[in-house]
Amino acid sequence: LQATDPTAQNVEKTQASANNSPTITSAAPTHSLVGIMGTGSKRQTALIKSGDSVKEVVPGELVGAGWTLQSIAENQVTLRQGGQEGQTKVLTLGDP
């Protein structure tokens, strides 16, 4: 019987590596859009679920794990990680 450590990082072996050493990758936390509050001239707030918690976030605020809420649209939000040159992802209402 072999035990697994739930906190261990995923190890991915790459053949492209000259010395065949493993590359460590960590699983990105999952974010989902639960709701959007505010309309018209009111400041909009996104309800974003990360793990087991839901957080109210306005544009410019940190969502978690290095992701920042960049913008809020009618039924979706855009998150950015790593500044202007970083990654972006779009969360849409109703997506798991």
N, C-alpha and C. Protein backbone atom coordinates (compact mmCIF):
# COMPACT_ATOMS: atom_id res chain seq x y z
N LEU A 1 0.85 -1.18 0.00
CA LEU A 1 0.00 0.00 0.00
C LEU A 1 0.89 1.23 0.00
N GLN A 2 0.62 2.15 -0.92
CA GLN A 2 1.44 3.35 -1.03
C GLN A 2 0.60 4.56 -0.68
N ALA A 3 1.12 5.40 0.22
CA ALA A 3 0.41 6.61 0.63
C ALA A 3 0.81 7.75 -0.28
N THR A 4 -0.13 8.65 -0.51
CA THR A 4 0.18 9.84 -1.31
C THR A 4 0.02 11.07 -0.44
N ASP A 5 0.85 12.03 -0.66
CA ASP A 5 0.81 13.28 0.08
C ASP A 5 -0.06 14.26 -0.68
N PRO A 6 -1.22 14.69 -0.14
CA PRO A 6 -2.11 15.60 -0.88
C PRO A 6 -1.50 16.97 -1.11
N THR A 7 -0.46 17.34 -0.38
CA THR A 7 0.16 18.64 -0.58
C THR A 7 1.33 18.61 -1.55
N ALA A 8 1.66 17.42 -2.03
CA ALA A 8 2.80 17.30 -2.94
C ALA A 8 2.49 17.97 -4.27
N GLN A 9 3.50 18.56 -4.87
CA GLN A 9 3.33 19.20 -6.17
C GLN A 9 3.41 18.14 -7.27
N ASN A 10 2.79 18.47 -8.39
CA ASN A 10 2.87 17.58 -9.54
C ASN A 10 4.26 17.67 -10.14
N VAL A 11 4.81 16.55 -10.51
CA VAL A 11 6.11 16.52 -11.15
C VAL A 11 5.92 16.04 -12.57
N GLU A 12 6.40 16.81 -13.50
CA GLU A 12 6.24 16.49 -14.90
C GLU A 12 7.62 16.31 -15.52
N LYS A 13 7.87 15.15 -16.06
CA LYS A 13 9.17 14.90 -16.68
C LYS A 13 9.11 15.38 -18.12
N THR A 14 10.11 16.09 -18.53
CA THR A 14 10.15 16.58 -19.90
C THR A 14 11.33 15.97 -20.61
N GLN A 15 11.09 15.46 -21.81
CA GLN A 15 12.15 14.88 -22.59
C GLN A 15 13.01 15.96 -23.23
N ALA A 16 12.47 17.17 -23.34
CA ALA A 16 13.20 18.27 -23.95
C ALA A 16 14.34 18.77 -23.07
N SER A 17 14.28 18.44 -21.80
CA SER A 17 15.31 18.90 -20.87
C SER A 17 16.62 18.18 -21.16
N ALA A 18 17.71 18.94 -21.26
CA ALA A 18 19.01 18.37 -21.60
C ALA A 18 19.52 17.43 -20.52
N ASN A 19 19.23 17.73 -19.26
CA ASN A 19 19.75 16.89 -18.19
C ASN A 19 18.70 15.93 -17.63
N ASN A 20 17.53 15.87 -18.27
CA ASN A 20 16.44 14.98 -17.87
C ASN A 20 15.99 15.18 -16.43
N SER A 21 16.17 16.37 -15.87
CA SER A 21 15.67 16.64 -14.53
C SER A 21 14.19 17.00 -14.61
N PRO A 22 13.39 16.64 -13.60
CA PRO A 22 11.95 16.93 -13.65
C PRO A 22 11.67 18.42 -13.51
N THR A 23 10.57 18.84 -14.12
CA THR A 23 10.10 20.21 -13.99
C THR A 23 8.95 20.20 -13.00
N ILE A 24 9.01 21.06 -12.00
CA ILE A 24 7.96 21.10 -10.98
C ILE A 24 6.86 22.06 -11.46
N THR A 25 5.63 21.58 -11.46
CA THR A 25 4.50 22.43 -11.79
C THR A 25 3.49 22.32 -10.67
N SER A 26 2.85 23.41 -10.31
CA SER A 26 1.82 23.35 -9.28
C SER A 26 0.47 23.57 -9.91
N ALA A 27 -0.53 22.90 -9.40
CA ALA A 27 -1.88 23.03 -9.94
C ALA A 27 -2.42 24.41 -9.61
N ALA A 28 -2.98 25.08 -10.62
CA ALA A 28 -3.55 26.41 -10.41
C ALA A 28 -4.89 26.30 -9.71
N PRO A 29 -5.17 27.18 -8.76
CA PRO A 29 -6.47 27.13 -8.10
C PRO A 29 -7.57 27.47 -9.09
N THR A 30 -8.72 26.89 -8.89
CA THR A 30 -9.84 27.11 -9.79
C THR A 30 -10.68 28.28 -9.28
N HIS A 31 -10.96 29.20 -10.17
CA HIS A 31 -11.84 30.32 -9.86
C HIS A 31 -13.10 30.15 -10.69
N SER A 32 -14.25 30.54 -10.13
CA SER A 32 -15.49 30.54 -10.89
C SER A 32 -16.30 31.78 -10.51
N LEU A 33 -17.03 32.29 -11.49
CA LEU A 33 -17.85 33.49 -11.29
C LEU A 33 -19.22 33.07 -10.79
N VAL A 34 -19.57 33.54 -9.60
CA VAL A 34 -20.84 33.19 -8.97
C VAL A 34 -21.90 34.24 -9.26
N GLY A 35 -21.50 35.51 -9.35
CA GLY A 35 -22.46 36.58 -9.60
C GLY A 35 -21.79 37.91 -9.83
N ILE A 36 -22.60 38.87 -10.31
CA ILE A 36 -22.14 40.24 -10.50
C ILE A 36 -23.20 41.15 -9.89
N MET A 37 -22.77 42.08 -9.04
CA MET A 37 -23.70 43.00 -8.38
C MET A 37 -23.41 44.42 -8.83
N GLY A 38 -24.46 45.23 -8.89
CA GLY A 38 -24.33 46.63 -9.26
C GLY A 38 -24.63 46.82 -10.74
N THR A 39 -25.34 47.90 -11.05
CA THR A 39 -25.67 48.21 -12.44
C THR A 39 -25.60 49.70 -12.66
N GLY A 40 -25.56 50.10 -13.90
CA GLY A 40 -25.58 51.52 -14.24
C GLY A 40 -24.41 52.26 -13.63
N SER A 41 -24.72 53.33 -12.88
CA SER A 41 -23.67 54.17 -12.30
C SER A 41 -23.08 53.59 -11.01
N LYS A 42 -23.71 52.53 -10.47
CA LYS A 42 -23.18 51.91 -9.26
C LYS A 42 -21.91 51.12 -9.59
N ARG A 43 -21.00 51.09 -8.65
CA ARG A 43 -19.76 50.34 -8.82
C ARG A 43 -20.08 48.85 -8.83
N GLN A 44 -19.60 48.16 -9.86
CA GLN A 44 -19.87 46.74 -9.97
C GLN A 44 -18.91 45.92 -9.11
N THR A 45 -19.45 44.84 -8.55
CA THR A 45 -18.70 43.92 -7.72
C THR A 45 -18.92 42.51 -8.27
N ALA A 46 -17.84 41.74 -8.38
CA ALA A 46 -17.95 40.35 -8.81
C ALA A 46 -17.89 39.44 -7.60
N LEU A 47 -18.69 38.39 -7.63
CA LEU A 47 -18.64 37.35 -6.60
C LEU A 47 -17.89 36.18 -7.21
N ILE A 48 -16.67 35.95 -6.72
CA ILE A 48 -15.80 34.93 -7.29
C ILE A 48 -15.52 33.85 -6.26
N LYS A 49 -15.75 32.61 -6.68
CA LYS A 49 -15.48 31.47 -5.81
C LYS A 49 -14.08 30.96 -6.09
N SER A 50 -13.33 30.78 -5.03
CA SER A 50 -11.99 30.23 -5.11
C SER A 50 -11.86 29.20 -4.01
N GLY A 51 -11.77 27.94 -4.38
CA GLY A 51 -11.76 26.88 -3.38
C GLY A 51 -13.13 26.76 -2.75
N ASP A 52 -13.19 26.85 -1.42
CA ASP A 52 -14.46 26.73 -0.70
C ASP A 52 -15.06 28.07 -0.29
N SER A 53 -14.44 29.18 -0.71
CA SER A 53 -14.94 30.48 -0.27
C SER A 53 -15.35 31.35 -1.45
N VAL A 54 -16.28 32.27 -1.19
CA VAL A 54 -16.74 33.24 -2.17
C VAL A 54 -16.33 34.62 -1.68
N LYS A 55 -15.76 35.42 -2.59
CA LYS A 55 -15.24 36.73 -2.23
C LYS A 55 -15.85 37.80 -3.12
N GLU A 56 -16.21 38.95 -2.52
CA GLU A 56 -16.66 40.11 -3.29
C GLU A 56 -15.43 40.87 -3.73
N VAL A 57 -15.30 41.11 -5.04
CA VAL A 57 -14.09 41.74 -5.58
C VAL A 57 -14.48 42.83 -6.56
N VAL A 58 -13.78 43.96 -6.49
CA VAL A 58 -13.95 45.05 -7.46
C VAL A 58 -12.71 45.09 -8.35
N PRO A 59 -12.82 45.68 -9.54
CA PRO A 59 -11.65 45.76 -10.42
C PRO A 59 -10.43 46.36 -9.72
N GLY A 60 -9.30 45.71 -9.92
CA GLY A 60 -8.05 46.14 -9.31
C GLY A 60 -7.70 45.36 -8.05
N GLU A 61 -8.67 44.64 -7.48
CA GLU A 61 -8.42 43.86 -6.27
C GLU A 61 -7.90 42.47 -6.58
N LEU A 62 -7.12 41.94 -5.64
CA LEU A 62 -6.57 40.60 -5.75
C LEU A 62 -7.66 39.57 -5.49
N VAL A 63 -7.78 38.59 -6.39
CA VAL A 63 -8.75 37.51 -6.23
C VAL A 63 -8.13 36.40 -5.40
N GLY A 64 -6.88 36.10 -5.66
CA GLY A 64 -6.16 35.05 -4.96
C GLY A 64 -5.16 34.39 -5.87
N ALA A 65 -4.11 33.82 -5.28
CA ALA A 65 -3.06 33.10 -6.01
C ALA A 65 -2.44 33.95 -7.11
N GLY A 66 -2.32 35.26 -6.87
CA GLY A 66 -1.67 36.14 -7.83
C GLY A 66 -2.58 36.67 -8.93
N TRP A 67 -3.86 36.31 -8.92
CA TRP A 67 -4.81 36.78 -9.93
C TRP A 67 -5.52 38.04 -9.44
N THR A 68 -5.64 39.03 -10.32
CA THR A 68 -6.30 40.30 -10.02
C THR A 68 -7.49 40.46 -10.95
N LEU A 69 -8.60 40.97 -10.41
CA LEU A 69 -9.77 41.25 -11.24
C LEU A 69 -9.46 42.46 -12.11
N GLN A 70 -9.46 42.27 -13.42
CA GLN A 70 -9.14 43.35 -14.34
C GLN A 70 -10.39 44.12 -14.75
N SER A 71 -11.45 43.40 -15.14
CA SER A 71 -12.66 44.09 -15.58
C SER A 71 -13.90 43.23 -15.36
N ILE A 72 -15.05 43.91 -15.33
CA ILE A 72 -16.34 43.26 -15.16
C ILE A 72 -17.22 43.65 -16.35
N ALA A 73 -17.80 42.66 -17.02
CA ALA A 73 -18.73 42.90 -18.12
C ALA A 73 -20.11 42.41 -17.68
N GLU A 74 -21.06 42.37 -18.60
CA GLU A 74 -22.44 42.02 -18.26
C GLU A 74 -22.56 40.64 -17.62
N ASN A 75 -21.90 39.63 -18.20
CA ASN A 75 -22.01 38.27 -17.66
C ASN A 75 -20.66 37.57 -17.54
N GLN A 76 -19.58 38.36 -17.52
CA GLN A 76 -18.26 37.76 -17.39
C GLN A 76 -17.27 38.73 -16.78
N VAL A 77 -16.18 38.19 -16.27
CA VAL A 77 -15.10 39.01 -15.73
C VAL A 77 -13.78 38.53 -16.33
N THR A 78 -12.79 39.43 -16.32
CA THR A 78 -11.46 39.08 -16.79
C THR A 78 -10.49 39.19 -15.63
N LEU A 79 -9.70 38.13 -15.42
CA LEU A 79 -8.67 38.11 -14.40
C LEU A 79 -7.31 38.19 -15.08
N ARG A 80 -6.34 38.81 -14.40
CA ARG A 80 -4.98 38.90 -14.93
C ARG A 80 -4.00 38.48 -13.85
N GLN A 81 -2.97 37.78 -14.29
CA GLN A 81 -1.89 37.35 -13.39
C GLN A 81 -0.57 37.77 -14.01
N GLY A 82 0.26 38.45 -13.22
CA GLY A 82 1.60 38.79 -13.70
C GLY A 82 1.70 40.12 -14.43
N GLY A 83 0.84 41.07 -14.15
CA GLY A 83 0.96 42.39 -14.75
C GLY A 83 0.52 42.42 -16.21
N GLN A 84 0.91 43.49 -16.92
CA GLN A 84 0.47 43.70 -18.30
C GLN A 84 0.89 42.58 -19.25
N GLU A 85 2.03 41.99 -19.01
CA GLU A 85 2.54 40.94 -19.90
C GLU A 85 2.14 39.54 -19.43
N GLY A 86 1.35 39.46 -18.38
CA GLY A 86 1.00 38.17 -17.79
C GLY A 86 -0.16 37.49 -18.49
N GLN A 87 -0.66 36.46 -17.85
CA GLN A 87 -1.77 35.67 -18.37
C GLN A 87 -3.09 36.32 -18.03
N THR A 88 -4.09 36.07 -18.86
CA THR A 88 -5.46 36.49 -18.56
C THR A 88 -6.37 35.28 -18.69
N LYS A 89 -7.46 35.33 -17.95
CA LYS A 89 -8.50 34.32 -18.13
C LYS A 89 -9.85 34.99 -17.92
N VAL A 90 -10.84 34.51 -18.66
CA VAL A 90 -12.19 35.05 -18.61
C VAL A 90 -13.08 34.04 -17.89
N LEU A 91 -13.82 34.52 -16.90
CA LEU A 91 -14.80 33.70 -16.18
C LEU A 91 -16.19 34.15 -16.61
N THR A 92 -17.05 33.20 -16.96
CA THR A 92 -18.39 33.52 -17.42
C THR A 92 -19.41 32.95 -16.45
N LEU A 93 -20.47 33.71 -16.18
CA LEU A 93 -21.54 33.23 -15.30
C LEU A 93 -22.10 31.92 -15.84
N GLY A 94 -22.28 30.95 -14.97
CA GLY A 94 -22.84 29.67 -15.36
C GLY A 94 -21.82 28.62 -15.68
N ASP A 95 -20.55 29.01 -15.90
CA ASP A 95 -19.51 28.03 -16.15
C ASP A 95 -19.10 27.40 -14.82
N PRO A 96 -18.80 26.11 -14.83
CA PRO A 96 -18.40 25.46 -13.57
C PRO A 96 -17.07 25.95 -13.05
